[in-house]
């Protein structure tokens, strides 16, 4: 059933407006993002637009901005040499202490320890002395083909979140959000050989039935059926690189199997708006010949 907030609204108009807001937030994470400014970006009434936004996204704009800044900070800590004294102001906090409290609440570790361990503690052993190897459970599953409705993304994989924000804004505005939607991220490019700015990926959901409308800005994508190696990852999205390295560099070369000519995809088993980052569950799915 459609959300009554959108029952008589120009859905395409709301999609365009909220897409502008999402893009503005990503482009101005280092700026002051007050509700009045974002209302201007959305070209909607400052009295009502945020109520509509929260109904669509399930969180306030303040929560969205905080979550995205902390997500970027986690990536800065794990994947860059940026000094800690530069990380917390960039994340929008007035002091190192306030940032440490917020980061620990979200990620389970204080920032310095998070950086020292290389990521969330579940992958600490990846950075242990030479000869110590972390093993992961991998299952081989035969998956059926599936049709997806996706929003394409071009650029760093850690920024695919903006495509998911757009995806859920579109679905919410069209009254298409429903329990049990299967969220998936498709990753078409090899990040070891393609420049970050040129990486191609897509944020999507499995189309639940033949009558589900896939209209711009959504695109249709087909997920290959067949055998997949599936590694379940628990923890923040920024922690997944070691799991990928192990899956490709250790498991695959020892498995007797070969990777198929099809994209890797991630199956997101819970929602970052509903669980803390340390409890996120993601199946990394590698297609096999």
Protein backbone atom coordinates (compact mmCIF):
# COMPACT_ATOMS: atom_id res chain seq x y z
CA UNK A 1 0.00 0.00 0.00
CA UNK A 2 1.31 3.49 -0.86
CA UNK A 3 2.36 5.85 1.92
CA UNK A 4 -0.48 8.38 2.33
CA UNK A 5 2.09 11.17 2.28
CA UNK A 6 2.64 10.36 -1.38
CA UNK A 7 -0.82 9.21 -2.40
CA UNK A 8 -1.55 12.38 -4.38
CA UNK A 9 2.00 13.71 -4.80
CA UNK A 10 3.90 14.13 -8.03
CA UNK A 11 6.14 11.15 -7.33
CA UNK A 12 8.70 11.98 -10.01
CA UNK A 13 8.98 15.47 -8.56
CA UNK A 14 9.73 14.16 -5.06
CA UNK A 15 12.28 11.70 -6.45
CA UNK A 16 14.11 14.51 -8.23
CA UNK A 17 14.02 16.73 -5.16
CA UNK A 18 15.28 14.10 -2.73
CA UNK A 19 17.95 12.99 -5.19
CA UNK A 20 19.19 16.59 -5.21
CA UNK A 21 19.29 16.58 -1.41
CA UNK A 22 21.19 13.27 -1.30
CA UNK A 23 23.74 14.49 -3.86
CA UNK A 24 24.08 17.78 -1.99
CA UNK A 25 24.76 15.98 1.31
CA UNK A 26 27.47 13.81 -0.25
CA UNK A 27 29.06 16.82 -1.96
CA UNK A 28 28.99 18.95 1.22
CA UNK A 29 29.75 16.54 4.06
CA UNK A 30 32.36 19.05 5.26
CA UNK A 31 29.88 21.93 5.38
CA UNK A 32 27.16 22.97 7.81
CA UNK A 33 24.07 21.09 6.63
CA UNK A 34 21.15 22.80 8.33
CA UNK A 35 17.53 21.91 7.57
CA UNK A 36 16.74 25.28 6.03
CA UNK A 37 19.54 24.93 3.48
CA UNK A 38 18.44 21.42 2.58
CA UNK A 39 14.84 22.56 2.26
CA UNK A 40 16.05 25.10 -0.30
CA UNK A 41 17.94 22.34 -2.15
CA UNK A 42 14.78 20.23 -2.17
CA UNK A 43 12.68 23.25 -3.18
CA UNK A 44 10.06 22.12 -0.66
CA UNK A 45 8.34 23.83 2.23
CA UNK A 46 10.68 24.09 5.25
CA UNK A 47 7.65 23.28 7.39
CA UNK A 48 6.92 19.90 5.87
CA UNK A 49 9.79 18.59 3.75
CA UNK A 50 11.67 16.95 6.60
CA UNK A 51 8.62 15.04 7.75
CA UNK A 52 8.30 13.65 4.23
CA UNK A 53 12.05 12.86 4.11
CA UNK A 54 11.89 10.96 7.39
CA UNK A 55 8.81 9.02 6.23
CA UNK A 56 10.68 7.99 3.07
CA UNK A 57 14.10 7.23 4.56
CA UNK A 58 13.18 6.12 8.07
CA UNK A 59 15.70 8.47 9.70
CA UNK A 60 16.16 12.21 10.14
CA UNK A 61 18.51 14.19 7.93
CA UNK A 62 20.66 14.83 11.00
CA UNK A 63 20.98 11.07 11.51
CA UNK A 64 21.76 10.58 7.81
CA UNK A 65 24.55 13.16 7.87
CA UNK A 66 26.01 11.77 11.10
CA UNK A 67 25.95 8.20 9.77
CA UNK A 68 27.61 9.17 6.47
CA UNK A 69 30.31 11.23 8.19
CA UNK A 70 31.15 8.38 10.56
CA UNK A 71 31.18 5.95 7.62
CA UNK A 72 33.68 8.21 5.82
CA UNK A 73 35.74 8.51 9.01
CA UNK A 74 35.94 4.71 9.29
CA UNK A 75 37.24 4.57 5.71
CA UNK A 76 39.74 7.36 6.47
CA UNK A 77 41.05 5.42 9.46
CA UNK A 78 41.40 2.09 7.68
CA UNK A 79 42.39 3.14 4.17
CA UNK A 80 44.36 6.39 4.54
CA UNK A 81 47.27 7.81 6.57
CA UNK A 82 45.20 10.85 7.59
CA UNK A 83 46.20 11.98 11.11
CA UNK A 84 43.56 11.36 13.75
CA UNK A 85 43.55 15.07 14.56
CA UNK A 86 42.33 15.66 10.99
CA UNK A 87 39.79 12.83 10.99
CA UNK A 88 37.54 14.05 13.81
CA UNK A 89 37.09 17.65 12.56
CA UNK A 90 36.38 16.27 9.06
CA UNK A 91 33.68 14.10 10.63
CA UNK A 92 32.01 17.23 12.01
CA UNK A 93 32.89 16.91 15.72
CA UNK A 94 34.03 19.76 17.95
CA UNK A 95 36.50 17.67 19.93
CA UNK A 96 38.43 14.43 19.76
CA UNK A 97 36.58 13.21 22.86
CA UNK A 98 33.13 13.72 21.32
CA UNK A 99 34.21 11.98 18.11
CA UNK A 100 35.73 9.08 20.05
CA UNK A 101 32.49 8.55 22.00
CA UNK A 102 30.33 8.65 18.87
CA UNK A 103 32.68 6.45 16.85
CA UNK A 104 32.95 3.85 19.62
CA UNK A 105 29.16 3.79 20.03
CA UNK A 106 28.76 3.08 16.31
CA UNK A 107 31.77 0.86 15.55
CA UNK A 108 32.54 -0.83 18.86
CA UNK A 109 36.13 0.45 19.11
CA UNK A 110 37.72 3.85 19.74
CA UNK A 111 39.22 5.36 16.57
CA UNK A 112 42.89 4.82 17.46
CA UNK A 113 42.31 1.16 18.26
CA UNK A 114 40.18 0.74 15.14
CA UNK A 115 43.06 2.07 13.03
CA UNK A 116 45.69 0.04 14.89
CA UNK A 117 43.79 -3.22 14.38
CA UNK A 118 43.27 -2.41 10.72
CA UNK A 119 39.50 -2.60 10.97
CA UNK A 120 36.85 -4.04 13.25
CA UNK A 121 38.33 -6.61 15.64
CA UNK A 122 36.77 -9.51 13.74
CA UNK A 123 39.53 -9.05 11.17
CA UNK A 124 42.38 -8.26 13.54
CA UNK A 125 44.19 -11.47 12.65
CA UNK A 126 44.60 -10.33 9.06
CA UNK A 127 47.19 -7.95 10.43
CA UNK A 128 48.80 -10.41 12.80
CA UNK A 129 52.42 -11.60 12.43
CA UNK A 130 53.35 -13.43 9.25
CA UNK A 131 52.18 -17.02 9.24
CA UNK A 132 48.92 -16.35 11.09
CA UNK A 133 45.97 -16.77 8.70
CA UNK A 134 42.33 -15.96 9.36
CA UNK A 135 39.95 -18.55 7.94
CA UNK A 136 36.40 -17.72 6.89
CA UNK A 137 33.46 -19.99 6.28
CA UNK A 138 32.68 -20.22 2.57
CA UNK A 139 29.77 -22.17 1.15
CA UNK A 140 29.09 -22.97 -2.49
CA UNK A 141 25.48 -22.24 -3.37
CA UNK A 142 23.55 -22.61 -6.59
CA UNK A 143 21.56 -19.40 -6.93
CA UNK A 144 18.64 -18.78 -9.25
CA UNK A 145 18.83 -15.89 -11.73
CA UNK A 146 17.10 -12.72 -10.60
CA UNK A 147 15.94 -9.42 -12.03
CA UNK A 148 16.96 -6.31 -10.11
CA UNK A 149 15.88 -2.69 -10.07
CA UNK A 150 19.07 -0.70 -9.63
CA UNK A 151 20.55 2.77 -9.40
CA UNK A 152 23.97 2.80 -11.13
CA UNK A 153 27.01 4.25 -9.36
CA UNK A 154 30.35 5.34 -10.79
CA UNK A 155 33.27 6.07 -8.48
CA UNK A 156 34.73 4.65 -5.25
CA UNK A 157 32.91 1.60 -3.98
CA UNK A 158 32.84 3.08 -0.48
CA UNK A 159 30.54 5.79 -1.88
CA UNK A 160 27.89 3.41 -3.28
CA UNK A 161 25.82 4.49 -0.29
CA UNK A 162 24.65 7.54 -2.27
CA UNK A 163 23.12 5.21 -4.88
CA UNK A 164 21.32 3.29 -2.11
CA UNK A 165 20.03 6.57 -0.65
CA UNK A 166 18.64 7.47 -4.08
CA UNK A 167 17.20 3.97 -4.53
CA UNK A 168 15.26 4.08 -1.27
CA UNK A 169 14.14 7.63 -1.87
CA UNK A 170 12.67 6.55 -5.22
CA UNK A 171 11.01 3.46 -3.78
CA UNK A 172 9.59 5.39 -0.83
CA UNK A 173 8.26 8.19 -3.01
CA UNK A 174 6.53 5.68 -5.29
CA UNK A 175 5.03 3.70 -2.42
CA UNK A 176 7.08 0.63 -3.37
CA UNK A 177 8.88 0.01 -0.09
CA UNK A 178 7.69 -3.25 1.41
CA UNK A 179 8.96 -5.71 4.03
CA UNK A 180 11.41 -8.34 2.85
CA UNK A 181 12.95 -6.50 -0.10
CA UNK A 182 16.33 -8.09 -0.91
CA UNK A 183 19.06 -5.44 -1.11
CA UNK A 184 22.06 -6.19 -3.29
CA UNK A 185 25.12 -4.32 -4.51
CA UNK A 186 26.61 -5.28 -7.87
CA UNK A 187 30.31 -4.58 -8.44
CA UNK A 188 31.30 -4.65 -12.11
CA UNK A 189 34.90 -3.40 -12.00
CA UNK A 190 38.14 -4.84 -10.63
CA UNK A 191 39.33 -2.30 -8.03
CA UNK A 192 42.92 -3.58 -8.37
CA UNK A 193 43.11 -2.55 -12.04
CA UNK A 194 40.49 0.18 -12.58
CA UNK A 195 41.00 3.74 -11.23
CA UNK A 196 38.68 4.53 -8.34
CA UNK A 197 36.91 7.27 -10.27
CA UNK A 198 35.98 4.77 -13.01
CA UNK A 199 34.71 1.91 -10.85
CA UNK A 200 31.22 0.80 -11.91
CA UNK A 201 28.68 -0.62 -9.49
CA UNK A 202 24.95 -0.54 -8.82
CA UNK A 203 22.68 -0.44 -5.78
CA UNK A 204 19.59 -2.58 -6.20
CA UNK A 205 16.74 -4.67 -4.93
CA UNK A 206 15.39 -7.93 -6.30
CA UNK A 207 12.21 -7.22 -8.27
CA UNK A 208 9.52 -8.99 -6.20
CA UNK A 209 7.10 -9.72 -9.06
CA UNK A 210 6.61 -9.29 -12.81
CA UNK A 211 4.37 -6.26 -12.33
CA UNK A 212 6.93 -4.27 -10.33
CA UNK A 213 7.59 -1.00 -12.24
CA UNK A 214 11.22 -0.34 -13.14
CA UNK A 215 11.18 3.26 -14.37
CA UNK A 216 13.83 5.99 -14.52
CA UNK A 217 15.95 6.70 -12.58
CA UNK A 218 15.78 2.97 -11.82
CA UNK A 219 17.29 0.58 -14.34
CA UNK A 220 16.80 -3.14 -14.87
CA UNK A 221 19.74 -5.49 -14.25
CA UNK A 222 19.95 -9.26 -14.49
CA UNK A 223 21.73 -11.32 -11.88
CA UNK A 224 23.39 -14.44 -13.25
CA UNK A 225 22.19 -17.78 -11.95
CA UNK A 226 24.58 -20.60 -11.14
CA UNK A 227 27.23 -21.53 -8.59
CA UNK A 228 28.58 -18.90 -6.20
CA UNK A 229 31.14 -18.97 -3.42
CA UNK A 230 29.45 -17.18 -0.53
CA UNK A 231 31.40 -15.67 2.37
CA UNK A 232 29.36 -14.16 5.19
CA UNK A 233 30.85 -11.02 6.67
CA UNK A 234 29.76 -9.52 9.99
CA UNK A 235 30.70 -5.95 10.72
CA UNK A 236 31.07 -2.52 9.12
CA UNK A 237 31.17 -2.25 5.35
CA UNK A 238 34.55 -0.53 5.61
CA UNK A 239 35.99 -3.78 7.02
CA UNK A 240 35.28 -5.98 4.03
CA UNK A 241 38.49 -5.54 2.05
CA UNK A 242 40.42 -8.21 4.04
CA UNK A 243 37.55 -10.66 3.51
CA UNK A 244 37.66 -10.01 -0.24
CA UNK A 245 41.46 -10.42 -0.26
CA UNK A 246 41.16 -13.76 1.51
CA UNK A 247 38.32 -14.99 -0.70
CA UNK A 248 40.19 -14.21 -3.94
CA UNK A 249 43.76 -14.73 -2.78
CA UNK A 250 43.41 -17.78 -0.55
CA UNK A 251 40.09 -19.58 -0.88
CA UNK A 252 39.70 -19.35 -4.66
CA UNK A 253 43.22 -20.45 -5.52
CA UNK A 254 42.92 -23.44 -3.18
CA UNK A 255 39.36 -24.43 -4.07
CA UNK A 256 39.87 -26.03 -7.47
CA UNK A 257 37.21 -23.67 -8.85
CA UNK A 258 37.47 -20.73 -11.23
CA UNK A 259 35.69 -17.40 -11.11
CA UNK A 260 33.00 -16.91 -13.77
CA UNK A 261 32.85 -13.91 -16.08
CA UNK A 262 30.16 -12.14 -14.09
CA UNK A 263 30.17 -9.46 -11.38
CA UNK A 264 30.61 -10.11 -7.70
CA UNK A 265 27.61 -9.01 -5.69
CA UNK A 266 26.92 -8.34 -2.05
CA UNK A 267 23.69 -9.49 -0.43
CA UNK A 268 22.80 -7.20 2.48
CA UNK A 269 20.98 -9.24 5.10
CA UNK A 270 20.05 -6.39 7.44
CA UNK A 271 19.69 -2.62 7.36
CA UNK A 272 22.27 -0.03 8.52
CA UNK A 273 19.37 2.16 9.69
CA UNK A 274 18.20 -0.57 12.06
CA UNK A 275 21.37 -2.20 13.48
CA UNK A 276 24.77 -0.83 14.59
CA UNK A 277 27.65 -1.19 12.11
CA UNK A 278 29.20 -4.04 14.10
CA UNK A 279 26.04 -6.14 13.58
CA UNK A 280 25.72 -5.69 9.82
CA UNK A 281 25.56 -9.00 7.92
CA UNK A 282 26.69 -9.18 4.30
CA UNK A 283 27.07 -12.20 2.03
CA UNK A 284 29.90 -11.65 -0.47
CA UNK A 285 28.95 -13.71 -3.53
CA UNK A 286 31.65 -14.68 -6.03
CA UNK A 287 30.36 -16.28 -9.26
CA UNK A 288 31.99 -19.59 -10.21
CA UNK A 289 32.32 -21.47 -13.50
